[in-house]
PDB file of N, CA and C in Angstrom:
ATOM      1  N   MET A   1       6.623  -5.538  -5.609  1.00  0.00           N
ATOM      2  CA  MET A   1       7.628  -4.709  -4.975  1.00  0.00           C
ATOM      3  C   MET A   1       6.969  -3.564  -4.205  1.00  0.00           C
ATOM      4  N   GLY A   2       5.892  -3.004  -4.757  1.00  0.00           N
ATOM      5  CA  GLY A   2       5.198  -1.916  -4.082  1.00  0.00           C
ATOM      6  C   GLY A   2       4.647  -2.330  -2.731  1.00  0.00           C
ATOM      7  N   ARG A   3       4.132  -3.542  -2.655  1.00  0.00           N
ATOM      8  CA  ARG A   3       3.590  -4.034  -1.376  1.00  0.00           C
ATOM      9  C   ARG A   3       4.691  -4.180  -0.323  1.00  0.00           C
ATOM     10  N   LEU A   4       5.848  -4.641  -0.753  1.00  0.00           N
ATOM     11  CA  LEU A   4       6.977  -4.760   0.171  1.00  0.00           C
ATOM     12  C   LEU A   4       7.363  -3.374   0.695  1.00  0.00           C
ATOM     13  N   GLY A   5       7.443  -2.405  -0.182  1.00  0.00           N
ATOM     14  CA  GLY A   5       7.763  -1.047   0.233  1.00  0.00           C
ATOM     15  C   GLY A   5       6.743  -0.495   1.212  1.00  0.00           C
ATOM     16  N   GLU A   6       5.472  -0.755   0.950  1.00  0.00           N
ATOM     17  CA  GLU A   6       4.418  -0.295   1.858  1.00  0.00           C
ATOM     18  C   GLU A   6       4.513  -0.986   3.211  1.00  0.00           C
ATOM     19  N   GLU A   7       4.846  -2.272   3.197  1.00  0.00           N
ATOM     20  CA  GLU A   7       5.022  -3.019   4.452  1.00  0.00           C
ATOM     21  C   GLU A   7       6.165  -2.425   5.276  1.00  0.00           C
ATOM     22  N   LEU A   8       7.277  -2.143   4.625  1.00  0.00           N
ATOM     23  CA  LEU A   8       8.427  -1.563   5.327  1.00  0.00           C
ATOM     24  C   LEU A   8       8.124  -0.145   5.812  1.00  0.00           C
ATOM     25  N   ALA A   9       7.388   0.630   5.017  1.00  0.00           N
ATOM     26  CA  ALA A   9       6.999   1.983   5.423  1.00  0.00           C
ATOM     27  C   ALA A   9       6.054   1.926   6.622  1.00  0.00           C
ATOM     28  N   ALA A  10       5.101   0.996   6.615  1.00  0.00           N
ATOM     29  CA  ALA A  10       4.170   0.849   7.734  1.00  0.00           C
ATOM     30  C   ALA A  10       4.915   0.447   9.008  1.00  0.00           C
ATOM     31  N   ALA A  11       5.888  -0.440   8.890  1.00  0.00           N
ATOM     32  CA  ALA A  11       6.685  -0.852  10.053  1.00  0.00           C
ATOM     33  C   ALA A  11       7.482   0.335  10.596  1.00  0.00           C
ATOM     34  N   HIS A  12       8.000   1.158   9.708  1.00  0.00           N
ATOM     35  CA  HIS A  12       8.736   2.355  10.116  1.00  0.00           C
ATOM     36  C   HIS A  12       7.824   3.305  10.894  1.00  0.00           C
ATOM     37  N   LEU A  13       6.634   3.567  10.360  1.00  0.00           N
ATOM     38  CA  LEU A  13       5.695   4.447  11.062  1.00  0.00           C
ATOM     39  C   LEU A  13       5.278   3.856  12.406  1.00  0.00           C
ATOM     40  N   SER A  14       5.135   2.554  12.461  1.00  0.00           N
ATOM     41  CA  SER A  14       4.798   1.883  13.726  1.00  0.00           C
ATOM     42  C   SER A  14       5.893   2.109  14.765  1.00  0.00           C
ATOM     43  N   ARG A  15       7.151   2.036  14.349  1.00  0.00           N
ATOM     44  CA  ARG A  15       8.259   2.304  15.274  1.00  0.00           C
ATOM     45  C   ARG A  15       8.227   3.738  15.778  1.00  0.00           C
ATOM     46  N   LEU A  16       7.635   4.633  15.006  1.00  0.00           N
ATOM     47  CA  LEU A  16       7.521   6.037  15.414  1.00  0.00           C
ATOM     48  C   LEU A  16       6.280   6.298  16.267  1.00  0.00           C
ATOM     49  N   GLY A  17       5.496   5.249  16.534  1.00  0.00           N
ATOM     50  CA  GLY A  17       4.330   5.392  17.399  1.00  0.00           C
ATOM     51  C   GLY A  17       3.009   5.543  16.671  1.00  0.00           C
ATOM     52  N   PHE A  18       2.994   5.312  15.372  1.00  0.00           N
ATOM     53  CA  PHE A  18       1.765   5.423  14.591  1.00  0.00           C
ATOM     54  C   PHE A  18       1.098   4.062  14.467  1.00  0.00           C
ATOM     55  N   SER A  19      -0.220   4.085  14.414  1.00  0.00           N
ATOM     56  CA  SER A  19      -1.001   2.890  14.118  1.00  0.00           C
ATOM     57  C   SER A  19      -1.507   2.999  12.690  1.00  0.00           C
ATOM     58  N   GLU A  20      -1.421   1.923  11.980  1.00  0.00           N
ATOM     59  CA  GLU A  20      -1.905   1.911  10.606  1.00  0.00           C
ATOM     60  C   GLU A  20      -3.429   1.889  10.622  1.00  0.00           C
ATOM     61  N   LEU A  21      -4.041   2.851   9.955  1.00  0.00           N
ATOM     62  CA  LEU A  21      -5.494   2.867   9.823  1.00  0.00           C
ATOM     63  C   LEU A  21      -5.929   2.123   8.568  1.00  0.00           C
ATOM     64  N   GLU A  22      -5.251   2.414   7.474  1.00  0.00           N
ATOM     65  CA  GLU A  22      -5.563   1.740   6.210  1.00  0.00           C
ATOM     66  C   GLU A  22      -4.335   1.711   5.322  1.00  0.00           C
ATOM     67  N   ARG A  23      -4.286   0.686   4.518  1.00  0.00           N
ATOM     68  CA  ARG A  23      -3.262   0.590   3.480  1.00  0.00           C
ATOM     69  C   ARG A  23      -3.993   0.392   2.163  1.00  0.00           C
ATOM     70  N   ASN A  24      -3.530   1.059   1.132  1.00  0.00           N
ATOM     71  CA  ASN A  24      -4.186   1.005  -0.172  1.00  0.00           C
ATOM     72  C   ASN A  24      -5.664   1.379  -0.045  1.00  0.00           C
ATOM     73  N   ALA A  25      -5.909   2.469   0.685  1.00  0.00           N
ATOM     74  CA  ALA A  25      -7.273   2.941   0.929  1.00  0.00           C
ATOM     75  C   ALA A  25      -7.877   3.442  -0.374  1.00  0.00           C
ATOM     76  N   ARG A  26      -8.976   2.860  -0.760  1.00  0.00           N
ATOM     77  CA  ARG A  26      -9.626   3.237  -2.013  1.00  0.00           C
ATOM     78  C   ARG A  26     -10.613   4.369  -1.777  1.00  0.00           C
ATOM     79  N   THR A  27     -10.546   5.339  -2.668  1.00  0.00           N
ATOM     80  CA  THR A  27     -11.557   6.384  -2.744  1.00  0.00           C
ATOM     81  C   THR A  27     -12.124   6.318  -4.150  1.00  0.00           C
ATOM     82  N   ARG A  28     -13.117   7.115  -4.424  1.00  0.00           N
ATOM     83  CA  ARG A  28     -13.693   7.033  -5.769  1.00  0.00           C
ATOM     84  C   ARG A  28     -12.745   7.561  -6.839  1.00  0.00           C
ATOM     85  N   HIS A  29     -11.702   8.285  -6.434  1.00  0.00           N
ATOM     86  CA  HIS A  29     -10.768   8.855  -7.397  1.00  0.00           C
ATOM     87  C   HIS A  29      -9.414   8.145  -7.434  1.00  0.00           C
ATOM     88  N   GLY A  30      -9.218   7.150  -6.596  1.00  0.00           N
ATOM     89  CA  GLY A  30      -7.933   6.451  -6.601  1.00  0.00           C
ATOM     90  C   GLY A  30      -7.614   5.841  -5.256  1.00  0.00           C
ATOM     91  N   GLU A  31      -6.339   5.611  -5.036  1.00  0.00           N
ATOM     92  CA  GLU A  31      -5.887   4.863  -3.866  1.00  0.00           C
ATOM     93  C   GLU A  31      -4.800   5.618  -3.107  1.00  0.00           C
ATOM     94  N   ILE A  32      -4.895   5.580  -1.780  1.00  0.00           N
ATOM     95  CA  ILE A  32      -3.890   6.174  -0.903  1.00  0.00           C
ATOM     96  C   ILE A  32      -3.026   5.031  -0.376  1.00  0.00           C
ATOM     97  N   ASP A  33      -1.710   5.153  -0.509  1.00  0.00           N
ATOM     98  CA  ASP A  33      -0.815   4.061  -0.116  1.00  0.00           C
ATOM     99  C   ASP A  33      -0.955   3.688   1.352  1.00  0.00           C
ATOM    100  N   LEU A  34      -0.907   4.681   2.234  1.00  0.00           N
ATOM    101  CA  LEU A  34      -0.854   4.389   3.666  1.00  0.00           C
ATOM    102  C   LEU A  34      -1.462   5.539   4.456  1.00  0.00           C
ATOM    103  N   ILE A  35      -2.318   5.204   5.417  1.00  0.00           N
ATOM    104  CA  ILE A  35      -2.898   6.191   6.328  1.00  0.00           C
ATOM    105  C   ILE A  35      -2.597   5.708   7.735  1.00  0.00           C
ATOM    106  N   ALA A  36      -2.022   6.597   8.562  1.00  0.00           N
ATOM    107  CA  ALA A  36      -1.630   6.222   9.925  1.00  0.00           C
ATOM    108  C   ALA A  36      -1.992   7.348  10.884  1.00  0.00           C
ATOM    109  N   PHE A  37      -2.096   6.986  12.171  1.00  0.00           N
ATOM    110  CA  PHE A  37      -2.517   7.940  13.201  1.00  0.00           C
ATOM    111  C   PHE A  37      -1.776   7.626  14.497  1.00  0.00           C
ATOM    112  N   ASP A  38      -1.322   8.680  15.190  1.00  0.00           N
ATOM    113  CA  ASP A  38      -0.615   8.472  16.460  1.00  0.00           C
ATOM    114  C   ASP A  38      -1.349   9.060  17.662  1.00  0.00           C
ATOM    115  N   GLY A  39      -2.630   9.371  17.499  1.00  0.00           N
ATOM    116  CA  GLY A  39      -3.393   9.976  18.575  1.00  0.00           C
ATOM    117  C   GLY A  39      -3.506  11.486  18.443  1.00  0.00           C
ATOM    118  N   ARG A  40      -2.627  12.060  17.665  1.00  0.00           N
ATOM    119  CA  ARG A  40      -2.647  13.506  17.407  1.00  0.00           C
ATOM    120  C   ARG A  40      -2.613  13.819  15.922  1.00  0.00           C
ATOM    121  N   THR A  41      -1.741  13.126  15.215  1.00  0.00           N
ATOM    122  CA  THR A  41      -1.470  13.449  13.822  1.00  0.00           C
ATOM    123  C   THR A  41      -1.964  12.340  12.903  1.00  0.00           C
ATOM    124  N   LEU A  42      -2.724  12.750  11.905  1.00  0.00           N
ATOM    125  CA  LEU A  42      -3.192  11.839  10.867  1.00  0.00           C
ATOM    126  C   LEU A  42      -2.265  12.006   9.673  1.00  0.00           C
ATOM    127  N   VAL A  43      -1.648  10.906   9.252  1.00  0.00           N
ATOM    128  CA  VAL A  43      -0.670  10.949   8.168  1.00  0.00           C
ATOM    129  C   VAL A  43      -1.210  10.214   6.947  1.00  0.00           C
ATOM    130  N   PHE A  44      -1.183  10.920   5.822  1.00  0.00           N
ATOM    131  CA  PHE A  44      -1.439  10.327   4.516  1.00  0.00           C
ATOM    132  C   PHE A  44      -0.072  10.211   3.846  1.00  0.00           C
ATOM    133  N   ALA A  45       0.344   8.989   3.566  1.00  0.00           N
ATOM    134  CA  ALA A  45       1.698   8.781   3.056  1.00  0.00           C
ATOM    135  C   ALA A  45       1.691   8.222   1.643  1.00  0.00           C
ATOM    136  N   GLU A  46       2.545   8.799   0.826  1.00  0.00           N
ATOM    137  CA  GLU A  46       2.832   8.277  -0.506  1.00  0.00           C
ATOM    138  C   GLU A  46       4.135   7.494  -0.379  1.00  0.00           C
ATOM    139  N   VAL A  47       4.113   6.239  -0.801  1.00  0.00           N
ATOM    140  CA  VAL A  47       5.278   5.369  -0.678  1.00  0.00           C
ATOM    141  C   VAL A  47       5.805   5.057  -2.077  1.00  0.00           C
ATOM    142  N   LYS A  48       7.098   5.288  -2.267  1.00  0.00           N
ATOM    143  CA  LYS A  48       7.766   4.966  -3.524  1.00  0.00           C
ATOM    144  C   LYS A  48       8.861   3.950  -3.219  1.00  0.00           C
ATOM    145  N   THR A  49       8.898   2.878  -3.994  1.00  0.00           N
ATOM    146  CA  THR A  49       9.860   1.800  -3.755  1.00  0.00           C
ATOM    147  C   THR A  49      10.721   1.600  -4.995  1.00  0.00           C
ATOM    148  N   ARG A  50      11.976   1.329  -4.732  1.00  0.00           N
ATOM    149  CA  ARG A  50      12.931   1.074  -5.823  1.00  0.00           C
ATOM    150  C   ARG A  50      13.775  -0.139  -5.444  1.00  0.00           C
ATOM    151  N   ARG A  51      14.077  -0.968  -6.435  1.00  0.00           N
ATOM    152  CA  ARG A  51      14.917  -2.149  -6.226  1.00  0.00           C
ATOM    153  C   ARG A  51      16.293  -1.884  -6.827  1.00  0.00           C
ATOM    154  N   VAL A  52      17.330  -2.310  -6.107  1.00  0.00           N
ATOM    155  CA  VAL A  52      18.700  -2.172  -6.601  1.00  0.00           C
ATOM    156  C   VAL A  52      19.380  -3.537  -6.549  1.00  0.00           C
ATOM    157  N   GLY A  53      20.458  -3.671  -7.294  1.00  0.00           N
ATOM    158  CA  GLY A  53      21.239  -4.897  -7.268  1.00  0.00           C
ATOM    159  C   GLY A  53      21.898  -5.098  -5.917  1.00  0.00           C
ATOM    160  N   ALA A  54      22.155  -6.341  -5.574  1.00  0.00           N
ATOM    161  CA  ALA A  54      22.725  -6.667  -4.270  1.00  0.00           C
ATOM    162  C   ALA A  54      24.088  -6.018  -4.058  1.00  0.00           C
ATOM    163  N   ARG A  55      24.841  -5.798  -5.118  1.00  0.00           N
ATOM    164  CA  ARG A  55      26.188  -5.228  -4.994  1.00  0.00           C
ATOM    165  C   ARG A  55      26.222  -3.715  -5.214  1.00  0.00           C
ATOM    166  N   GLN A  56      25.123  -3.159  -5.624  1.00  0.00           N
ATOM    167  CA  GLN A  56      25.092  -1.721  -5.895  1.00  0.00           C
ATOM    168  C   GLN A  56      25.222  -0.954  -4.577  1.00  0.00           C
ATOM    169  N   ARG A  57      26.129  -0.014  -4.535  1.00  0.00           N
ATOM    170  CA  ARG A  57      26.404   0.740  -3.308  1.00  0.00           C
ATOM    171  C   ARG A  57      25.398   1.868  -3.088  1.00  0.00           C
ATOM    172  N   ASP A  58      25.513   2.912  -3.856  1.00  0.00           N
ATOM    173  CA  ASP A  58      24.692   4.098  -3.674  1.00  0.00           C
ATOM    174  C   ASP A  58      23.910   4.408  -4.926  1.00  0.00           C
ATOM    175  N   LEU A  59      22.775   5.043  -4.728  1.00  0.00           N
ATOM    176  CA  LEU A  59      21.979   5.506  -5.846  1.00  0.00           C
ATOM    177  C   LEU A  59      22.325   6.960  -6.133  1.00  0.00           C
ATOM    178  N   ARG A  60      22.335   7.308  -7.401  1.00  0.00           N
ATOM    179  CA  ARG A  60      22.485   8.718  -7.761  1.00  0.00           C
ATOM    180  C   ARG A  60      21.223   9.452  -7.293  1.00  0.00           C
ATOM    181  N   PRO A  61      21.325  10.759  -7.092  1.00  0.00           N
ATOM    182  CA  PRO A  61      20.138  11.515  -6.652  1.00  0.00           C
ATOM    183  C   PRO A  61      18.917  11.312  -7.548  1.00  0.00           C
ATOM    184  N   ASP A  62      19.125  11.207  -8.848  1.00  0.00           N
ATOM    185  CA  ASP A  62      17.987  11.025  -9.761  1.00  0.00           C
ATOM    186  C   ASP A  62      17.418   9.604  -9.709  1.00  0.00           C
ATOM    187  N   GLU A  63      18.111   8.683  -9.040  1.00  0.00           N
ATOM    188  CA  GLU A  63      17.629   7.309  -8.898  1.00  0.00           C
ATOM    189  C   GLU A  63      16.896   7.080  -7.580  1.00  0.00           C
ATOM    190  N   GLN A  64      16.937   8.046  -6.678  1.00  0.00           N
ATOM    191  CA  GLN A  64      16.261   7.910  -5.390  1.00  0.00           C
ATOM    192  C   GLN A  64      14.754   7.786  -5.615  1.00  0.00           C
ATOM    193  N   PRO A  65      14.072   6.958  -4.844  1.00  0.00           N
ATOM    194  CA  PRO A  65      12.629   6.763  -5.062  1.00  0.00           C
ATOM    195  C   PRO A  65      11.824   8.062  -5.016  1.00  0.00           C
ATOM    196  N   LEU A  66      12.149   8.943  -4.105  1.00  0.00           N
ATOM    197  CA  LEU A  66      11.359  10.162  -3.973  1.00  0.00           C
ATOM    198  C   LEU A  66      11.659  11.188  -5.052  1.00  0.00           C
ATOM    199  N   ALA A  67      12.705  10.983  -5.820  1.00  0.00           N
ATOM    200  CA  ALA A  67      12.997  11.875  -6.937  1.00  0.00           C
ATOM    201  C   ALA A  67      11.907  11.771  -7.998  1.00  0.00           C
ATOM    202  N   ARG A  68      11.176  10.693  -7.970  1.00  0.00           N
ATOM    203  CA  ARG A  68      10.118  10.458  -8.963  1.00  0.00           C
ATOM    204  C   ARG A  68       8.750  10.933  -8.485  1.00  0.00           C
ATOM    205  N   LEU A  69       8.691  11.559  -7.335  1.00  0.00           N
ATOM    206  CA  LEU A  69       7.417  12.052  -6.808  1.00  0.00           C
ATOM    207  C   LEU A  69       7.107  13.396  -7.463  1.00  0.00           C
ATOM    208  N   SER A  70       6.139  13.385  -8.338  1.00  0.00           N
ATOM    209  CA  SER A  70       5.831  14.575  -9.129  1.00  0.00           C
ATOM    210  C   SER A  70       4.822  15.479  -8.433  1.00  0.00           C
ATOM    211  N   GLU A  71       4.733  16.701  -8.883  1.00  0.00           N
ATOM    212  CA  GLU A  71       3.741  17.643  -8.363  1.00  0.00           C
ATOM    213  C   GLU A  71       2.332  17.114  -8.616  1.00  0.00           C
ATOM    214  N   ARG A  72       2.145  16.473  -9.723  1.00  0.00           N
ATOM    215  CA  ARG A  72       0.837  15.888 -10.043  1.00  0.00           C
ATOM    216  C   ARG A  72       0.444  14.836  -8.995  1.00  0.00           C
ATOM    217  N   GLN A  73       1.393  13.990  -8.589  1.00  0.00           N
ATOM    218  CA  GLN A  73       1.108  12.972  -7.575  1.00  0.00           C
ATOM    219  C   GLN A  73       0.821  13.616  -6.222  1.00  0.00           C
ATOM    220  N   ARG A  74       1.507  14.690  -5.908  1.00  0.00           N
ATOM    221  CA  ARG A  74       1.278  15.398  -4.650  1.00  0.00           C
ATOM    222  C   ARG A  74      -0.132  15.980  -4.618  1.00  0.00           C
ATOM    223  N   THR A  75      -0.521  16.609  -5.706  1.00  0.00           N
ATOM    224  CA  THR A  75      -1.854  17.186  -5.803  1.00  0.00           C
ATOM    225  C   THR A  75      -2.907  16.089  -5.711  1.00  0.00           C
ATOM    226  N   ARG A  76      -2.632  14.972  -6.356  1.00  0.00           N
ATOM    227  CA  ARG A  76      -3.553  13.844  -6.338  1.00  0.00           C
ATOM    228  C   ARG A  76      -3.738  13.306  -4.920  1.00  0.00           C
ATOM    229  N   LEU A  77      -2.659  13.187  -4.152  1.00  0.00           N
ATOM    230  CA  LEU A  77      -2.764  12.678  -2.790  1.00  0.00           C
ATOM    231  C   LEU A  77      -3.605  13.620  -1.928  1.00  0.00           C
ATOM    232  N   ARG A  78      -3.432  14.912  -2.081  1.00  0.00           N
ATOM    233  CA  ARG A  78      -4.245  15.860  -1.315  1.00  0.00           C
ATOM    234  C   ARG A  78      -5.728  15.703  -1.668  1.00  0.00           C
ATOM    235  N   ARG A  79      -6.025  15.527  -2.949  1.00  0.00           N
ATOM    236  CA  ARG A  79      -7.409  15.339  -3.386  1.00  0.00           C
ATOM    237  C   ARG A  79      -7.982  14.019  -2.845  1.00  0.00           C
ATOM    238  N   LEU A  80      -7.183  12.966  -2.885  1.00  0.00           N
ATOM    239  CA  LEU A  80      -7.629  11.674  -2.359  1.00  0.00           C
ATOM    240  C   LEU A  80      -7.880  11.749  -0.853  1.00  0.00           C
ATOM    241  N   ALA A  81      -7.007  12.451  -0.136  1.00  0.00           N
ATOM    242  CA  ALA A  81      -7.176  12.591   1.315  1.00  0.00           C
ATOM    243  C   ALA A  81      -8.464  13.344   1.634  1.00  0.00           C
ATOM    244  N   ALA A  82      -8.748  14.391   0.875  1.00  0.00           N
ATOM    245  CA  ALA A  82      -9.994  15.135   1.085  1.00  0.00           C
ATOM    246  C   ALA A  82     -11.196  14.227   0.865  1.00  0.00           C
ATOM    247  N   GLY A  83     -11.135  13.385  -0.145  1.00  0.00           N
ATOM    248  CA  GLY A  83     -12.208  12.429  -0.399  1.00  0.00           C
ATOM    249  C   GLY A  83     -12.346  11.416   0.720  1.00  0.00           C
ATOM    250  N   TRP A  84     -11.223  10.935   1.225  1.00  0.00           N
ATOM    251  CA  TRP A  84     -11.242   9.966   2.327  1.00  0.00           C
ATOM    252  C   TRP A  84     -11.861  10.593   3.569  1.00  0.00           C
ATOM    253  N   LEU A  85     -11.476  11.825   3.863  1.00  0.00           N
ATOM    254  CA  LEU A  85     -12.005  12.516   5.046  1.00  0.00           C
ATOM    255  C   LEU A  85     -13.496  12.831   4.906  1.00  0.00           C
ATOM    256  N   ALA A  86     -13.961  13.053   3.702  1.00  0.00           N
ATOM    257  CA  ALA A  86     -15.365  13.397   3.476  1.00  0.00           C
ATOM    258  C   ALA A  86     -16.277  12.178   3.445  1.00  0.00           C
ATOM    259  N   ASP A  87     -15.721  10.996   3.375  1.00  0.00           N
ATOM    260  CA  ASP A  87     -16.504   9.767   3.291  1.00  0.00           C
ATOM    261  C   ASP A  87     -17.118   9.444   4.652  1.00  0.00           C
ATOM    262  N   ASP A  88     -18.426   9.587   4.757  1.00  0.00           N
ATOM    263  CA  ASP A  88     -19.126   9.364   6.026  1.00  0.00           C
ATOM    264  C   ASP A  88     -19.227   7.894   6.414  1.00  0.00           C
ATOM    265  N   THR A  89     -18.903   6.981   5.508  1.00  0.00           N
ATOM    266  CA  THR A  89     -18.995   5.559   5.830  1.00  0.00           C
ATOM    267  C   THR A  89     -17.769   5.071   6.596  1.00  0.00           C
ATOM    268  N   ARG A  90     -16.721   5.889   6.639  1.00  0.00           N
ATOM    269  CA  ARG A  90     -15.490   5.504   7.339  1.00  0.00           C
ATOM    270  C   ARG A  90     -15.466   6.094   8.744  1.00  0.00           C
ATOM    271  N   ALA A  91     -14.888   5.344   9.670  1.00  0.00           N
ATOM    272  CA  ALA A  91     -14.615   5.887  11.002  1.00  0.00           C
ATOM    273  C   ALA A  91     -13.317   6.677  10.896  1.00  0.00           C
ATOM    274  N   ARG A  92     -13.398   7.950  11.160  1.00  0.00           N
ATOM    275  CA  ARG A  92     -12.216   8.815  11.050  1.00  0.00           C
ATOM    276  C   ARG A  92     -11.816   9.284  12.438  1.00  0.00           C
ATOM    277  N   PRO A  93     -10.531   9.270  12.720  1.00  0.00           N
ATOM    278  CA  PRO A  93     -10.086   9.757  14.028  1.00  0.00           C
ATOM    279  C   PRO A  93     -10.161  11.280  14.087  1.00  0.00           C
ATOM    280  N   SER A  94     -10.244  11.780  15.294  1.00  0.00           N
ATOM    281  CA  SER A  94     -10.211  13.223  15.500  1.00  0.00           C
ATOM    282  C   SER A  94      -8.748  13.621  15.659  1.00  0.00           C
ATOM    283  N   ALA A  95      -8.211  14.256  14.639  1.00  0.00           N
ATOM    284  CA  ALA A  95      -6.784  14.589  14.620  1.00  0.00           C
ATOM    285  C   ALA A  95      -6.589  16.084  14.844  1.00  0.00           C
ATOM    286  N   ARG A  96      -5.532  16.410  15.557  1.00  0.00           N
ATOM    287  CA  ARG A  96      -5.167  17.818  15.734  1.00  0.00           C
ATOM    288  C   ARG A  96      -4.417  18.343  14.517  1.00  0.00           C
ATOM    289  N   MET A  97      -3.753  17.430  13.816  1.00  0.00           N
ATOM    290  CA  MET A  97      -2.957  17.831  12.661  1.00  0.00           C
ATOM    291  C   MET A  97      -3.071  16.763  11.572  1.00  0.00           C
ATOM    292  N   ILE A  98      -3.086  17.216  10.334  1.00  0.00           N
ATOM    293  CA  ILE A  98      -3.055  16.318   9.180  1.00  0.00           C
ATOM    294  C   ILE A  98      -1.758  16.603   8.442  1.00  0.00           C
ATOM    295  N   ARG A  99      -1.079  15.537   8.072  1.00  0.00           N
ATOM    296  CA  ARG A  99       0.223  15.677   7.443  1.00  0.00           C
ATOM    297  C   ARG A  99       0.291  14.789   6.208  1.00  0.00           C
ATOM    298  N   PHE A 100       1.021  15.264   5.206  1.00  0.00           N
ATOM    299  CA  PHE A 100       1.251  14.492   3.983  1.00  0.00           C
ATOM    300  C   PHE A 100       2.734  14.157   3.933  1.00  0.00           C
ATOM    301  N   ASP A 101       3.047  12.882   4.109  1.00  0.00           N
ATOM    302  CA  ASP A 101       4.426  12.427   4.148  1.00  0.00           C
ATOM    303  C   ASP A 101       4.782  11.673   2.870  1.00  0.00           C
ATOM    304  N   ALA A 102       6.065  11.647   2.592  1.00  0.00           N
ATOM    305  CA  ALA A 102       6.596  10.849   1.490  1.00  0.00           C
ATOM    306  C   ALA A 102       7.626   9.891   2.076  1.00  0.00           C
ATOM    307  N   ILE A 103       7.526   8.637   1.695  1.00  0.00           N
ATOM    308  CA  ILE A 103       8.450   7.624   2.195  1.00  0.00           C
ATOM    309  C   ILE A 103       9.047   6.896   1.001  1.00  0.00           C
ATOM    310  N   GLY A 104      10.364   6.984   0.879  1.00  0.00           N
ATOM    311  CA  GLY A 104      11.091   6.301  -0.187  1.00  0.00           C
ATOM    312  C   GLY A 104      11.786   5.081   0.372  1.00  0.00           C
ATOM    313  N   VAL A 105      11.593   3.953  -0.266  1.00  0.00           N
ATOM    314  CA  VAL A 105      12.140   2.682   0.204  1.00  0.00           C
ATOM    315  C   VAL A 105      13.021   2.093  -0.894  1.00  0.00           C
ATOM    316  N   VAL A 106      14.216   1.664  -0.505  1.00  0.00           N
ATOM    317  CA  VAL A 106      15.118   0.984  -1.439  1.00  0.00           C
ATOM    318  C   VAL A 106      15.367  -0.417  -0.893  1.00  0.00           C
ATOM    319  N   VAL A 107      15.074  -1.419  -1.717  1.00  0.00           N
ATOM    320  CA  VAL A 107      15.326  -2.812  -1.336  1.00  0.00           C
ATOM    321  C   VAL A 107      16.272  -3.420  -2.358  1.00  0.00           C
ATOM    322  N   ASP A 108      16.956  -4.485  -1.937  1.00  0.00           N
ATOM    323  CA  ASP A 108      17.834  -5.163  -2.891  1.00  0.00           C
ATOM    324  C   ASP A 108      17.095  -6.333  -3.535  1.00  0.00           C
ATOM    325  N   THR A 109      17.781  -7.050  -4.381  1.00  0.00           N
ATOM    326  CA  THR A 109      17.142  -8.139  -5.120  1.00  0.00           C
ATOM    327  C   THR A 109      16.704  -9.282  -4.216  1.00  0.00           C
ATOM    328  N   ASP A 110      17.243  -9.338  -2.984  1.00  0.00           N
ATOM    329  CA  ASP A 110      16.818 -10.338  -2.007  1.00  0.00           C
ATOM    330  C   ASP A 110      15.708  -9.800  -1.109  1.00  0.00           C
ATOM    331  N   GLU A 111      15.135  -8.642  -1.481  1.00  0.00           N
ATOM    332  CA  GLU A 111      14.050  -7.979  -0.763  1.00  0.00           C
ATOM    333  C   GLU A 111      14.441  -7.534   0.638  1.00  0.00           C
ATOM    334  N   ARG A 112      15.728  -7.243   0.822  1.00  0.00           N
ATOM    335  CA  ARG A 112      16.191  -6.681   2.098  1.00  0.00           C
ATOM    336  C   ARG A 112      16.181  -5.165   1.994  1.00  0.00           C
ATOM    337  N   LEU A 113      15.802  -4.528   3.086  1.00  0.00           N
ATOM    338  CA  LEU A 113      15.787  -3.068   3.127  1.00  0.00           C
ATOM    339  C   LEU A 113      17.210  -2.547   3.054  1.00  0.00           C
ATOM    340  N   ARG A 114      17.464  -1.665   2.105  1.00  0.00           N
ATOM    341  CA  ARG A 114      18.776  -1.031   1.971  1.00  0.00           C
ATOM    342  C   ARG A 114      18.751   0.398   2.486  1.00  0.00           C
ATOM    343  N   HIS A 115      17.616   1.091   2.260  1.00  0.00           N
ATOM    344  CA  HIS A 115      17.533   2.485   2.672  1.00  0.00           C
ATOM    345  C   HIS A 115      16.060   2.886   2.760  1.00  0.00           C
ATOM    346  N   LEU A 116      15.751   3.703   3.770  1.00  0.00           N
ATOM    347  CA  LEU A 116      14.403   4.243   3.898  1.00  0.00           C
ATOM    348  C   LEU A 116      14.532   5.726   4.181  1.00  0.00           C
ATOM    349  N   GLU A 117      13.874   6.534   3.386  1.00  0.00           N
ATOM    350  CA  GLU A 117      13.868   7.978   3.570  1.00  0.00           C
ATOM    351  C   GLU A 117      12.433   8.414   3.849  1.00  0.00           C
ATOM    352  N   HIS A 118      12.250   9.092   4.976  1.00  0.00           N
ATOM    353  CA  HIS A 118      10.926   9.547   5.378  1.00  0.00           C
ATOM    354  C   HIS A 118      10.947  11.067   5.485  1.00  0.00           C
ATOM    355  N   ILE A 119      10.152  11.714   4.666  1.00  0.00           N
ATOM    356  CA  ILE A 119      10.043  13.170   4.715  1.00  0.00           C
ATOM    357  C   ILE A 119       8.685  13.520   5.277  1.00  0.00           C
ATOM    358  N   GLU A 120       8.679  14.042   6.500  1.00  0.00           N
ATOM    359  CA  GLU A 120       7.440  14.466   7.129  1.00  0.00           C
ATOM    360  C   GLU A 120       6.996  15.792   6.508  1.00  0.00           C
ATOM    361  N   SER A 121       5.702  15.959   6.367  1.00  0.00           N
ATOM    362  CA  SER A 121       5.128  17.180   5.772  1.00  0.00           C
ATOM    363  C   SER A 121       5.820  17.495   4.443  1.00  0.00           C
ATOM    364  N   ALA A 122       5.925  16.481   3.610  1.00  0.00           N
ATOM    365  CA  ALA A 122       6.632  16.631   2.337  1.00  0.00           C
ATOM    366  C   ALA A 122       5.908  17.577   1.388  1.00  0.00           C
ATOM    367  N   PHE A 123       4.603  17.683   1.556  1.00  0.00           N
ATOM    368  CA  PHE A 123       3.822  18.579   0.710  1.00  0.00           C
ATOM    369  C   PHE A 123       2.509  18.889   1.354  1.00  0.00           C
TER     370      PHE A 123
END
């Protein structure tokens, strides 16, 4: 399910003019879900995916995928991004701005997109 959410998040960023640089980028301290670049802005994105029943209408606020994004995960993503940027073995773009986004994806049991929430500069 996580891979599907990442695929849908990457497609969303592509529609916004971003190119995917890496998905599931490994650093020595963990993994970054999605890294994208639009020529100016380098985005490190945390993607959270949730599955709902085909007949379920709306999610309560506490059921939204991004409601589960903790401060610990935010701090971890910043640390992972610093590690990714410091890695001299990677080709890194020259960005004017670095942003940390959160993307919440809701799919149904048939793996159809029901809702996508994208918060730019979430942390």
